[in-house]
Protein backbone atom coordinates (compact mmCIF):
# COMPACT_ATOMS: atom_id res chain seq x y z
CA MET A 1 128.51 177.36 156.75
CA THR A 2 127.60 177.84 152.73
CA SER A 3 126.89 180.47 150.90
CA ASP A 4 124.51 178.67 148.64
CA PRO A 5 121.54 177.37 150.20
CA ALA A 6 120.97 174.67 148.18
CA ASP A 7 124.16 172.81 149.76
CA LEU A 8 122.20 172.90 153.07
CA THR A 9 121.16 169.70 154.33
CA ALA A 10 118.00 168.38 156.00
CA ALA A 11 120.17 168.38 159.70
CA ASP A 12 121.00 172.44 158.57
CA HIS A 13 117.11 172.91 158.50
CA LEU A 14 116.60 171.39 161.56
CA ASP A 15 119.31 172.96 163.34
CA ALA A 16 118.07 176.13 162.23
CA ALA A 17 114.43 175.18 163.19
CA ARG A 18 115.69 174.25 166.94
CA GLU A 19 117.49 177.26 166.85
CA MET A 20 113.34 179.73 165.70
CA THR A 21 112.04 177.17 168.34
CA ALA A 22 114.31 178.31 171.35
CA ALA A 23 113.92 181.96 169.76
CA ASN A 24 110.19 181.96 170.13
CA ARG A 25 109.45 181.81 166.51
CA PRO A 26 107.40 178.44 165.93
CA TYR A 27 106.28 179.44 162.23
CA LEU A 28 110.04 180.28 161.20
CA ALA A 29 110.55 176.89 162.73
CA HIS A 30 108.07 175.15 161.11
CA LEU A 31 108.76 176.23 157.81
CA PHE A 32 112.70 175.01 158.45
CA ALA A 33 111.33 171.70 159.54
CA GLU A 34 109.40 171.23 156.57
CA GLU A 35 112.27 171.66 154.67
CA ALA A 36 113.88 169.42 156.29
CA ALA A 37 111.19 167.09 156.13
CA ARG A 38 110.90 167.46 152.16
CA ARG A 39 115.07 166.62 151.91
CA THR A 40 114.65 163.59 153.91
CA THR A 41 114.34 160.24 152.02
CA ASP A 42 113.07 158.38 154.51
CA PRO A 43 109.16 159.00 155.21
CA ALA A 44 108.90 158.09 158.75
CA THR A 45 111.57 160.09 159.48
CA ALA A 46 110.28 163.03 157.81
CA ALA A 47 106.55 162.48 159.11
CA GLY A 48 108.59 163.08 162.69
CA ILE A 49 110.03 165.96 161.62
CA ARG A 50 106.76 167.60 160.76
CA ALA A 51 105.55 165.85 163.60
CA SER A 52 108.06 167.80 165.88
CA PHE A 53 107.43 171.29 164.56
CA PRO A 54 103.70 171.80 163.48
CA ASP A 55 102.57 174.80 162.06
CA PRO A 56 101.32 177.34 164.33
CA THR A 57 98.45 178.71 161.91
CA ALA A 58 96.58 175.35 161.36
CA ARG A 59 93.14 175.70 162.75
CA LYS A 60 92.75 173.09 165.45
CA ASP A 61 89.07 172.32 164.73
């Protein structure tokens, strides 16, 4: 593991999102997934990441 957060990859952030989901921390999972999507160069992959970890505070109406 690196000590500089700038060295973390999209995969690192996606792993953290999965860990937060397993720990029942959906908002943190969403934040990590957003960063993973931001660091992903393929728009379709980024959209898939965002869809997998939606914002739990977003209104549904």
